[in-house]
Amino acid sequence: GWRVCAADIGVSASDLSRICNGQSVSAPKVIAVCDWLRLSFRAFYLPPPRDAGAMFHGTSTETGSTCDAG
């Protein structure tokens, strides 16, 4: 069953259910399932579109470091 299979893979039965239903799971879980199936995870990877930079606003909310470098 799903639980035995999931235990063999190293993920939860809920993770397998999410994958089967097209829902998101973490990259390590996808890699674990692909390794178990002897498939390359790259077969399921969709790179971002070439104009992906357009979705960023170009401003940063990060602040500079306040630590002394010495």
PDB file of N, CA and C in Angstrom:
ATOM      1  N   GLY A   1       0.807  -1.181   0.000  1.00  0.00           N
ATOM      2  CA  GLY A   1       0.000   0.000   0.000  1.00  0.00           C
ATOM      3  C   GLY A   1       0.863   1.264   0.000  1.00  0.00           C
ATOM      4  N   TRP A   2       0.180   2.404   0.052  1.00  0.00           N
ATOM      5  CA  TRP A   2       0.859   3.696   0.037  1.00  0.00           C
ATOM      6  C   TRP A   2       1.824   3.871   1.210  1.00  0.00           C
ATOM      7  N   ARG A   3       1.406   3.441   2.405  1.00  0.00           N
ATOM      8  CA  ARG A   3       2.247   3.641   3.593  1.00  0.00           C
ATOM      9  C   ARG A   3       3.546   2.841   3.505  1.00  0.00           C
ATOM     10  N   VAL A   4       3.449   1.626   3.040  1.00  0.00           N
ATOM     11  CA  VAL A   4       4.641   0.788   2.906  1.00  0.00           C
ATOM     12  C   VAL A   4       5.567   1.365   1.843  1.00  0.00           C
ATOM     13  N   CYS A   5       4.982   1.759   0.739  1.00  0.00           N
ATOM     14  CA  CYS A   5       5.745   2.348  -0.354  1.00  0.00           C
ATOM     15  C   CYS A   5       6.424   3.643   0.108  1.00  0.00           C
ATOM     16  N   ALA A   6       5.668   4.501   0.797  1.00  0.00           N
ATOM     17  CA  ALA A   6       6.204   5.770   1.286  1.00  0.00           C
ATOM     18  C   ALA A   6       7.348   5.534   2.266  1.00  0.00           C
ATOM     19  N   ALA A   7       7.190   4.563   3.145  1.00  0.00           N
ATOM     20  CA  ALA A   7       8.243   4.245   4.113  1.00  0.00           C
ATOM     21  C   ALA A   7       9.499   3.765   3.401  1.00  0.00           C
ATOM     22  N   ASP A   8       9.333   2.985   2.355  1.00  0.00           N
ATOM     23  CA  ASP A   8      10.469   2.500   1.573  1.00  0.00           C
ATOM     24  C   ASP A   8      11.200   3.652   0.880  1.00  0.00           C
ATOM     25  N   ILE A   9      10.429   4.631   0.425  1.00  0.00           N
ATOM     26  CA  ILE A   9      11.005   5.786  -0.277  1.00  0.00           C
ATOM     27  C   ILE A   9      11.650   6.752   0.704  1.00  0.00           C
ATOM     28  N   GLY A  10      11.045   6.894   1.883  1.00  0.00           N
ATOM     29  CA  GLY A  10      11.532   7.854   2.864  1.00  0.00           C
ATOM     30  C   GLY A  10      10.714   9.126   2.908  1.00  0.00           C
ATOM     31  N   VAL A  11       9.469   9.038   2.452  1.00  0.00           N
ATOM     32  CA  VAL A  11       8.538  10.169   2.510  1.00  0.00           C
ATOM     33  C   VAL A  11       7.278   9.677   3.221  1.00  0.00           C
ATOM     34  N   SER A  12       6.326  10.567   3.418  1.00  0.00           N
ATOM     35  CA  SER A  12       5.077  10.159   4.062  1.00  0.00           C
ATOM     36  C   SER A  12       4.038   9.753   3.008  1.00  0.00           C
ATOM     37  N   ALA A  13       3.028   9.025   3.459  1.00  0.00           N
ATOM     38  CA  ALA A  13       1.933   8.665   2.563  1.00  0.00           C
ATOM     39  C   ALA A  13       1.224   9.927   2.073  1.00  0.00           C
ATOM     40  N   SER A  14       1.172  10.959   2.916  1.00  0.00           N
ATOM     41  CA  SER A  14       0.574  12.235   2.516  1.00  0.00           C
ATOM     42  C   SER A  14       1.368  12.874   1.385  1.00  0.00           C
ATOM     43  N   ASP A  15       2.696  12.753   1.449  1.00  0.00           N
ATOM     44  CA  ASP A  15       3.533  13.283   0.369  1.00  0.00           C
ATOM     45  C   ASP A  15       3.212  12.599  -0.948  1.00  0.00           C
ATOM     46  N   LEU A  16       3.076  11.288  -0.925  1.00  0.00           N
ATOM     47  CA  LEU A  16       2.745  10.556  -2.153  1.00  0.00           C
ATOM     48  C   LEU A  16       1.372  10.971  -2.674  1.00  0.00           C
ATOM     49  N   SER A  17       0.438  11.167  -1.778  1.00  0.00           N
ATOM     50  CA  SER A  17      -0.891  11.614  -2.178  1.00  0.00           C
ATOM     51  C   SER A  17      -0.821  12.987  -2.843  1.00  0.00           C
ATOM     52  N   ARG A  18      -0.034  13.898  -2.251  1.00  0.00           N
ATOM     53  CA  ARG A  18       0.120  15.233  -2.846  1.00  0.00           C
ATOM     54  C   ARG A  18       0.721  15.137  -4.246  1.00  0.00           C
ATOM     55  N   ILE A  19       1.747  14.319  -4.387  1.00  0.00           N
ATOM     56  CA  ILE A  19       2.403  14.160  -5.687  1.00  0.00           C
ATOM     57  C   ILE A  19       1.408  13.609  -6.712  1.00  0.00           C
ATOM     58  N   CYS A  20       0.649  12.603  -6.321  1.00  0.00           N
ATOM     59  CA  CYS A  20      -0.319  11.994  -7.241  1.00  0.00           C
ATOM     60  C   CYS A  20      -1.428  12.962  -7.635  1.00  0.00           C
ATOM     61  N   ASN A  21      -1.695  13.941  -6.789  1.00  0.00           N
ATOM     62  CA  ASN A  21      -2.745  14.919  -7.071  1.00  0.00           C
ATOM     63  C   ASN A  21      -2.199  16.205  -7.663  1.00  0.00           C
ATOM     64  N   GLY A  22      -0.918  16.206  -8.025  1.00  0.00           N
ATOM     65  CA  GLY A  22      -0.336  17.363  -8.680  1.00  0.00           C
ATOM     66  C   GLY A  22      -0.053  18.539  -7.763  1.00  0.00           C
ATOM     67  N   GLN A  23      -0.043  18.293  -6.457  1.00  0.00           N
ATOM     68  CA  GLN A  23       0.239  19.362  -5.505  1.00  0.00           C
ATOM     69  C   GLN A  23       1.746  19.468  -5.266  1.00  0.00           C
ATOM     70  N   SER A  24       2.158  20.570  -4.707  1.00  0.00           N
ATOM     71  CA  SER A  24       3.577  20.813  -4.463  1.00  0.00           C
ATOM     72  C   SER A  24       4.091  20.035  -3.259  1.00  0.00           C
ATOM     73  N   VAL A  25       5.308  19.561  -3.384  1.00  0.00           N
ATOM     74  CA  VAL A  25       6.054  18.976  -2.270  1.00  0.00           C
ATOM     75  C   VAL A  25       7.474  19.529  -2.357  1.00  0.00           C
ATOM     76  N   SER A  26       8.228  19.378  -1.302  1.00  0.00           N
ATOM     77  CA  SER A  26       9.573  19.931  -1.274  1.00  0.00           C
ATOM     78  C   SER A  26      10.491  19.199  -2.250  1.00  0.00           C
ATOM     79  N   ALA A  27      11.518  19.899  -2.675  1.00  0.00           N
ATOM     80  CA  ALA A  27      12.476  19.327  -3.628  1.00  0.00           C
ATOM     81  C   ALA A  27      13.114  18.037  -3.105  1.00  0.00           C
ATOM     82  N   PRO A  28      13.543  17.971  -1.835  1.00  0.00           N
ATOM     83  CA  PRO A  28      14.136  16.708  -1.361  1.00  0.00           C
ATOM     84  C   PRO A  28      13.178  15.520  -1.459  1.00  0.00           C
ATOM     85  N   LYS A  29      11.891  15.766  -1.277  1.00  0.00           N
ATOM     86  CA  LYS A  29      10.918  14.670  -1.385  1.00  0.00           C
ATOM     87  C   LYS A  29      10.745  14.240  -2.836  1.00  0.00           C
ATOM     88  N   VAL A  30      10.729  15.202  -3.756  1.00  0.00           N
ATOM     89  CA  VAL A  30      10.659  14.870  -5.176  1.00  0.00           C
ATOM     90  C   VAL A  30      11.884  14.058  -5.579  1.00  0.00           C
ATOM     91  N   ILE A  31      13.044  14.488  -5.123  1.00  0.00           N
ATOM     92  CA  ILE A  31      14.286  13.782  -5.449  1.00  0.00           C
ATOM     93  C   ILE A  31      14.260  12.367  -4.876  1.00  0.00           C
ATOM     94  N   ALA A  32      13.747  12.203  -3.652  1.00  0.00           N
ATOM     95  CA  ALA A  32      13.659  10.868  -3.042  1.00  0.00           C
ATOM     96  C   ALA A  32      12.771   9.950  -3.868  1.00  0.00           C
ATOM     97  N   VAL A  33      11.630  10.455  -4.303  1.00  0.00           N
ATOM     98  CA  VAL A  33      10.714   9.644  -5.123  1.00  0.00           C
ATOM     99  C   VAL A  33      11.367   9.314  -6.461  1.00  0.00           C
ATOM    100  N   CYS A  34      12.012  10.296  -7.079  1.00  0.00           N
ATOM    101  CA  CYS A  34      12.675  10.054  -8.365  1.00  0.00           C
ATOM    102  C   CYS A  34      13.806   9.039  -8.220  1.00  0.00           C
ATOM    103  N   ASP A  35      14.575   9.158  -7.144  1.00  0.00           N
ATOM    104  CA  ASP A  35      15.645   8.176  -6.904  1.00  0.00           C
ATOM    105  C   ASP A  35      15.061   6.774  -6.765  1.00  0.00           C
ATOM    106  N   TRP A  36      13.956   6.666  -6.038  1.00  0.00           N
ATOM    107  CA  TRP A  36      13.321   5.367  -5.830  1.00  0.00           C
ATOM    108  C   TRP A  36      12.819   4.792  -7.151  1.00  0.00           C
ATOM    109  N   LEU A  37      12.305   5.673  -8.008  1.00  0.00           N
ATOM    110  CA  LEU A  37      11.809   5.243  -9.313  1.00  0.00           C
ATOM    111  C   LEU A  37      12.909   5.113 -10.364  1.00  0.00           C
ATOM    112  N   ARG A  38      14.125   5.517  -9.978  1.00  0.00           N
ATOM    113  CA  ARG A  38      15.272   5.542 -10.884  1.00  0.00           C
ATOM    114  C   ARG A  38      15.004   6.447 -12.092  1.00  0.00           C
ATOM    115  N   LEU A  39      14.423   7.612 -11.787  1.00  0.00           N
ATOM    116  CA  LEU A  39      14.172   8.633 -12.786  1.00  0.00           C
ATOM    117  C   LEU A  39      14.974   9.879 -12.438  1.00  0.00           C
ATOM    118  N   SER A  40      15.324  10.640 -13.432  1.00  0.00           N
ATOM    119  CA  SER A  40      15.989  11.906 -13.192  1.00  0.00           C
ATOM    120  C   SER A  40      14.939  12.939 -12.802  1.00  0.00           C
ATOM    121  N   PHE A  41      15.177  13.647 -11.697  1.00  0.00           N
ATOM    122  CA  PHE A  41      14.235  14.694 -11.309  1.00  0.00           C
ATOM    123  C   PHE A  41      14.184  15.796 -12.358  1.00  0.00           C
ATOM    124  N   ARG A  42      15.216  15.898 -13.177  1.00  0.00           N
ATOM    125  CA  ARG A  42      15.243  16.907 -14.236  1.00  0.00           C
ATOM    126  C   ARG A  42      14.122  16.675 -15.254  1.00  0.00           C
ATOM    127  N   ALA A  43      13.614  15.469 -15.338  1.00  0.00           N
ATOM    128  CA  ALA A  43      12.516  15.181 -16.259  1.00  0.00           C
ATOM    129  C   ALA A  43      11.241  15.919 -15.831  1.00  0.00           C
ATOM    130  N   PHE A  44      11.184  16.344 -14.558  1.00  0.00           N
ATOM    131  CA  PHE A  44      10.002  17.005 -14.025  1.00  0.00           C
ATOM    132  C   PHE A  44      10.247  18.476 -13.726  1.00  0.00           C
ATOM    133  N   TYR A  45      11.435  18.960 -14.033  1.00  0.00           N
ATOM    134  CA  TYR A  45      11.811  20.341 -13.728  1.00  0.00           C
ATOM    135  C   TYR A  45      11.447  21.254 -14.892  1.00  0.00           C
ATOM    136  N   LEU A  46      10.745  22.319 -14.613  1.00  0.00           N
ATOM    137  CA  LEU A  46      10.437  23.315 -15.617  1.00  0.00           C
ATOM    138  C   LEU A  46      11.199  24.586 -15.262  1.00  0.00           C
ATOM    139  N   PRO A  47      12.184  24.969 -16.061  1.00  0.00           N
ATOM    140  CA  PRO A  47      12.944  26.172 -15.743  1.00  0.00           C
ATOM    141  C   PRO A  47      12.063  27.408 -15.849  1.00  0.00           C
ATOM    142  N   PRO A  48      12.438  28.464 -15.115  1.00  0.00           N
ATOM    143  CA  PRO A  48      11.647  29.688 -15.204  1.00  0.00           C
ATOM    144  C   PRO A  48      11.742  30.281 -16.600  1.00  0.00           C
ATOM    145  N   PRO A  49      10.759  31.051 -17.014  1.00  0.00           N
ATOM    146  CA  PRO A  49      10.831  31.678 -18.341  1.00  0.00           C
ATOM    147  C   PRO A  49      12.021  32.630 -18.422  1.00  0.00           C
ATOM    148  N   ARG A  50      12.491  32.844 -19.633  1.00  0.00           N
ATOM    149  CA  ARG A  50      13.671  33.695 -19.834  1.00  0.00           C
ATOM    150  C   ARG A  50      13.482  35.102 -19.298  1.00  0.00           C
ATOM    151  N   ASP A  51      12.273  35.601 -19.318  1.00  0.00           N
ATOM    152  CA  ASP A  51      12.030  36.955 -18.832  1.00  0.00           C
ATOM    153  C   ASP A  51      11.610  36.963 -17.359  1.00  0.00           C
ATOM    154  N   ALA A  52      12.057  35.966 -16.595  1.00  0.00           N
ATOM    155  CA  ALA A  52      11.682  35.853 -15.185  1.00  0.00           C
ATOM    156  C   ALA A  52      12.122  37.079 -14.396  1.00  0.00           C
ATOM    157  N   GLY A  53      13.184  37.751 -14.836  1.00  0.00           N
ATOM    158  CA  GLY A  53      13.642  38.939 -14.139  1.00  0.00           C
ATOM    159  C   GLY A  53      12.602  40.037 -14.137  1.00  0.00           C
ATOM    160  N   ALA A  54      11.703  40.022 -15.093  1.00  0.00           N
ATOM    161  CA  ALA A  54      10.670  41.049 -15.183  1.00  0.00           C
ATOM    162  C   ALA A  54       9.689  40.960 -14.020  1.00  0.00           C
ATOM    163  N   MET A  55       9.616  39.797 -13.353  1.00  0.00           N
ATOM    164  CA  MET A  55       8.674  39.680 -12.256  1.00  0.00           C
ATOM    165  C   MET A  55       9.209  40.261 -10.957  1.00  0.00           C
ATOM    166  N   PHE A  56      10.487  40.650 -10.933  1.00  0.00           N
ATOM    167  CA  PHE A  56      11.064  41.263  -9.745  1.00  0.00           C
ATOM    168  C   PHE A  56      10.997  42.774  -9.882  1.00  0.00           C
ATOM    169  N   HIS A  57      10.796  43.435  -8.779  1.00  0.00           N
ATOM    170  CA  HIS A  57      10.621  44.882  -8.791  1.00  0.00           C
ATOM    171  C   HIS A  57      11.931  45.652  -8.899  1.00  0.00           C
ATOM    172  N   GLY A  58      13.037  45.017  -8.594  1.00  0.00           N
ATOM    173  CA  GLY A  58      14.317  45.703  -8.689  1.00  0.00           C
ATOM    174  C   GLY A  58      14.713  46.447  -7.431  1.00  0.00           C
ATOM    175  N   THR A  59      13.900  46.413  -6.398  1.00  0.00           N
ATOM    176  CA  THR A  59      14.266  47.028  -5.137  1.00  0.00           C
ATOM    177  C   THR A  59      14.439  45.939  -4.101  1.00  0.00           C
ATOM    178  N   SER A  60      15.278  46.194  -3.151  1.00  0.00           N
ATOM    179  CA  SER A  60      15.575  45.201  -2.133  1.00  0.00           C
ATOM    180  C   SER A  60      15.097  45.678  -0.778  1.00  0.00           C
ATOM    181  N   THR A  61      14.617  44.750   0.022  1.00  0.00           N
ATOM    182  CA  THR A  61      14.237  45.064   1.397  1.00  0.00           C
ATOM    183  C   THR A  61      15.341  44.669   2.369  1.00  0.00           C
ATOM    184  N   GLU A  62      16.440  44.122   1.845  1.00  0.00           N
ATOM    185  CA  GLU A  62      17.555  43.729   2.707  1.00  0.00           C
ATOM    186  C   GLU A  62      18.329  44.960   3.140  1.00  0.00           C
ATOM    187  N   THR A  63      18.862  44.876   4.335  1.00  0.00           N
ATOM    188  CA  THR A  63      19.686  45.971   4.838  1.00  0.00           C
ATOM    189  C   THR A  63      21.138  45.549   4.864  1.00  0.00           C
ATOM    190  N   GLY A  64      22.008  46.485   4.900  1.00  0.00           N
ATOM    191  CA  GLY A  64      23.438  46.187   4.967  1.00  0.00           C
ATOM    192  C   GLY A  64      23.809  45.576   6.305  1.00  0.00           C
ATOM    193  N   SER A  65      24.984  44.994   6.362  1.00  0.00           N
ATOM    194  CA  SER A  65      25.459  44.359   7.565  1.00  0.00           C
ATOM    195  C   SER A  65      25.831  45.406   8.614  1.00  0.00           C
ATOM    196  N   THR A  66      25.483  45.148   9.858  1.00  0.00           N
ATOM    197  CA  THR A  66      25.848  46.049  10.938  1.00  0.00           C
ATOM    198  C   THR A  66      27.034  45.513  11.723  1.00  0.00           C
ATOM    199  N   CYS A  67      27.585  44.389  11.302  1.00  0.00           N
ATOM    200  CA  CYS A  67      28.715  43.784  12.006  1.00  0.00           C
ATOM    201  C   CYS A  67      30.016  44.415  11.490  1.00  0.00           C
ATOM    202  N   ASP A  68      30.970  44.591  12.406  1.00  0.00           N
ATOM    203  CA  ASP A  68      32.293  45.086  12.008  1.00  0.00           C
ATOM    204  C   ASP A  68      33.083  43.943  11.393  1.00  0.00           C
ATOM    205  N   ALA A  69      33.760  44.214  10.287  1.00  0.00           N
ATOM    206  CA  ALA A  69      34.569  43.196   9.622  1.00  0.00           C
ATOM    207  C   ALA A  69      35.891  42.981  10.353  1.00  0.00           C
ATOM    208  N   GLY A  70      36.227  43.844  11.268  1.00  0.00           N
ATOM    209  CA  GLY A  70      37.410  43.599  12.063  1.00  0.00           C
ATOM    210  C   GLY A  70      38.438  44.554  11.814  1.00  0.00           C
TER     211      GLY A  70
END
